[in-house]
């Protein structure tokens, strides 16, 4: 399977910040642009070239950004495509800066939505004392799920600990299994 062309994520190490990587070409002859929003100096743009083979990405690049008094150096960027679809690896420059990165695909087709990283949106509302049973929770969650074309409703159960379940997992769990997990 060819490597995706649009990636977003973070870089860590001597320099840290957000990363946007856009690639063009075939896996054995990739070119592209890496934009690094360095927390100290702002956005640094690199022209990169490299290859992707055996689930490993190797890129080399030079900066297009010029900032008086700041040296960036040539970039070396190597990572591996992991089972969950993200890229994780190391970066370094020829002036001694280095670190790690984690990137996530952002050019996934609608049919591949399951490869996207889950985003959890939460809201809490203080309702006061209410009485609701398991069947009513499931019924309410199923009605909420119809409002979401993508994504899943998450149910959080508070017992001795707080446990969160996607609706489909909550429906098949039993109150006993939830209680056992809370006691572990």
Protein backbone atom coordinates (compact mmCIF):
# COMPACT_ATOMS: atom_id res chain seq x y z
CA UNK A 1 0.00 0.00 0.00
CA UNK A 2 1.44 3.42 -0.94
CA UNK A 3 2.24 5.94 1.77
CA UNK A 4 -0.31 8.68 2.39
CA UNK A 5 0.60 12.14 1.15
CA UNK A 6 -0.66 14.44 3.94
CA UNK A 7 0.51 14.09 7.57
CA UNK A 8 0.09 16.18 10.73
CA UNK A 9 1.59 15.73 14.16
CA UNK A 10 4.25 16.84 16.62
CA UNK A 11 8.02 16.95 16.89
CA UNK A 12 9.82 16.72 20.22
CA UNK A 13 13.41 17.14 21.32
CA UNK A 14 15.82 20.07 21.15
CA UNK A 15 13.08 21.86 19.20
CA UNK A 16 9.39 21.13 19.65
CA UNK A 17 6.18 22.04 17.87
CA UNK A 18 3.54 21.08 15.33
CA UNK A 19 4.47 19.45 12.01
CA UNK A 20 2.67 19.41 8.65
CA UNK A 21 4.16 17.16 5.96
CA UNK A 22 2.89 17.08 2.38
CA UNK A 23 4.45 14.60 -0.02
CA UNK A 24 4.25 14.08 -3.78
CA UNK A 25 5.45 11.32 -6.08
CA UNK A 26 5.79 7.59 -5.85
CA UNK A 27 7.06 5.79 -2.72
CA UNK A 28 10.53 5.27 -4.22
CA UNK A 29 10.91 8.95 -5.23
CA UNK A 30 9.09 11.22 -2.79
CA UNK A 31 9.40 14.99 -2.72
CA UNK A 32 7.52 17.47 -0.62
CA UNK A 33 7.36 20.17 1.99
CA UNK A 34 7.70 19.83 5.74
CA UNK A 35 6.41 22.76 7.80
CA UNK A 36 7.58 22.87 11.41
CA UNK A 37 6.00 25.37 13.80
CA UNK A 38 8.95 25.68 16.18
CA UNK A 39 7.80 26.96 19.58
CA UNK A 40 10.79 29.34 19.73
CA UNK A 41 11.24 30.74 16.19
CA UNK A 42 7.91 30.14 14.46
CA UNK A 43 7.29 28.37 11.17
CA UNK A 44 10.27 26.77 9.45
CA UNK A 45 9.72 25.33 5.95
CA UNK A 46 11.88 22.51 4.59
CA UNK A 47 11.97 21.09 1.05
CA UNK A 48 12.33 17.32 1.47
CA UNK A 49 13.04 14.31 -0.74
CA UNK A 50 13.32 10.63 0.03
CA UNK A 51 11.62 7.26 -0.13
CA UNK A 52 9.22 4.90 1.61
CA UNK A 53 10.01 1.16 1.56
CA UNK A 54 9.27 -1.76 3.90
CA UNK A 55 7.14 0.54 6.10
CA UNK A 56 10.08 2.92 6.64
CA UNK A 57 10.14 6.57 5.57
CA UNK A 58 13.46 8.32 4.96
CA UNK A 59 13.56 12.02 4.08
CA UNK A 60 16.37 14.55 3.74
CA UNK A 61 15.79 18.26 3.38
CA UNK A 62 17.04 21.81 3.44
CA UNK A 63 15.28 24.82 4.87
CA UNK A 64 13.60 27.43 2.69
CA UNK A 65 13.17 29.70 5.74
CA UNK A 66 15.66 32.48 6.41
CA UNK A 67 15.68 34.21 9.81
CA UNK A 68 18.53 36.60 10.68
CA UNK A 69 20.75 35.13 13.38
CA UNK A 70 19.13 31.68 13.31
CA UNK A 71 20.74 28.60 11.76
CA UNK A 72 18.55 25.59 10.91
CA UNK A 73 20.83 23.06 9.20
CA UNK A 74 19.97 20.22 6.85
CA UNK A 75 17.26 17.86 8.06
CA UNK A 76 17.29 14.06 8.25
CA UNK A 77 13.90 12.50 9.01
CA UNK A 78 13.45 8.70 9.47
CA UNK A 79 10.37 6.90 10.71
CA UNK A 80 8.34 3.74 10.61
CA UNK A 81 4.69 3.26 9.71
CA UNK A 82 3.10 1.56 12.72
CA UNK A 83 0.16 -0.86 12.83
CA UNK A 84 -2.29 1.88 13.85
CA UNK A 85 -1.40 3.92 10.74
CA UNK A 86 0.76 6.65 12.31
CA UNK A 87 4.40 7.42 11.57
CA UNK A 88 6.85 7.49 14.47
CA UNK A 89 10.54 8.15 14.28
CA UNK A 90 13.52 10.42 14.78
CA UNK A 91 14.71 13.65 13.20
CA UNK A 92 18.07 15.39 13.34
CA UNK A 93 19.95 18.22 11.70
CA UNK A 94 23.59 18.58 10.77
CA UNK A 95 23.99 21.35 13.40
CA UNK A 96 23.20 18.95 16.27
CA UNK A 97 19.50 19.43 16.97
CA UNK A 98 17.50 16.20 17.20
CA UNK A 99 14.40 14.55 18.57
CA UNK A 100 11.42 12.34 17.84
CA UNK A 101 8.18 12.84 15.93
CA UNK A 102 4.73 11.34 15.69
CA UNK A 103 2.61 11.98 12.58
CA UNK A 104 -0.95 10.96 11.70
CA UNK A 105 -2.46 10.56 8.20
CA UNK A 106 -4.82 13.28 7.05
CA UNK A 107 -5.55 12.30 3.45
CA UNK A 108 -7.72 9.31 4.29
CA UNK A 109 -10.71 8.77 2.03
CA UNK A 110 -14.21 8.70 3.50
CA UNK A 111 -14.24 4.90 3.12
CA UNK A 112 -11.10 4.69 5.30
CA UNK A 113 -12.43 6.72 8.25
CA UNK A 114 -11.55 3.95 10.69
CA UNK A 115 -7.85 4.78 10.13
CA UNK A 116 -8.32 8.32 11.46
CA UNK A 117 -7.25 9.00 15.02
CA UNK A 118 -10.26 9.13 17.34
CA UNK A 119 -11.21 12.59 18.58
CA UNK A 120 -13.16 12.66 21.82
CA UNK A 121 -15.44 15.63 22.45
CA UNK A 122 -16.86 15.80 25.94
CA UNK A 123 -19.41 17.88 27.80
CA UNK A 124 -20.63 17.57 31.36
CA UNK A 125 -23.96 18.81 32.62
CA UNK A 126 -24.94 18.89 36.27
CA UNK A 127 -28.47 17.51 36.33
CA UNK A 128 -28.88 17.00 40.02
CA UNK A 129 -30.38 13.78 41.30
CA UNK A 130 -31.90 11.62 38.56
CA UNK A 131 -32.77 7.96 38.32
CA UNK A 132 -31.87 6.13 35.12
CA UNK A 133 -31.35 2.43 34.52
CA UNK A 134 -29.06 0.63 32.10
CA UNK A 135 -31.73 0.10 29.45
CA UNK A 136 -32.62 3.81 29.54
CA UNK A 137 -28.94 4.78 29.21
CA UNK A 138 -28.61 2.54 26.14
CA UNK A 139 -31.83 3.92 24.63
CA UNK A 140 -30.69 7.51 25.17
CA UNK A 141 -27.21 6.78 23.76
CA UNK A 142 -28.71 5.08 20.67
CA UNK A 143 -30.83 8.18 19.99
CA UNK A 144 -27.73 10.35 20.36
CA UNK A 145 -25.79 8.07 18.00
CA UNK A 146 -28.29 8.76 15.20
CA UNK A 147 -27.13 12.40 15.30
CA UNK A 148 -23.53 11.41 14.48
CA UNK A 149 -22.78 10.21 10.95
CA UNK A 150 -19.14 9.63 11.93
CA UNK A 151 -17.85 8.76 15.37
CA UNK A 152 -19.33 6.96 18.31
CA UNK A 153 -21.11 7.89 21.50
CA UNK A 154 -19.03 7.27 24.61
CA UNK A 155 -20.63 6.30 27.93
CA UNK A 156 -18.73 6.88 31.15
CA UNK A 157 -19.65 4.85 34.21
CA UNK A 158 -18.57 6.04 37.63
CA UNK A 159 -18.30 3.36 40.29
CA UNK A 160 -15.14 2.97 42.37
CA UNK A 161 -13.35 4.24 39.26
CA UNK A 162 -14.43 6.01 36.09
CA UNK A 163 -14.67 3.81 32.98
CA UNK A 164 -15.55 4.95 29.47
CA UNK A 165 -17.04 2.70 26.78
CA UNK A 166 -18.02 3.18 23.16
CA UNK A 167 -21.76 2.56 22.86
CA UNK A 168 -21.32 -0.76 21.01
CA UNK A 169 -19.00 -2.06 23.77
CA UNK A 170 -21.27 -0.80 26.55
CA UNK A 171 -24.25 -2.60 24.98
CA UNK A 172 -22.48 -5.97 25.10
CA UNK A 173 -20.88 -5.48 28.52
CA UNK A 174 -22.64 -6.66 31.63
CA UNK A 175 -23.04 -4.75 34.89
CA UNK A 176 -20.95 -7.50 36.53
CA UNK A 177 -18.06 -7.04 34.10
CA UNK A 178 -18.10 -3.27 34.68
CA UNK A 179 -18.04 -3.80 38.44
CA UNK A 180 -15.15 -6.33 38.15
CA UNK A 181 -13.09 -3.83 36.16
CA UNK A 182 -13.79 -1.14 38.76
CA UNK A 183 -12.53 -3.39 41.56
CA UNK A 184 -9.23 -4.29 39.83
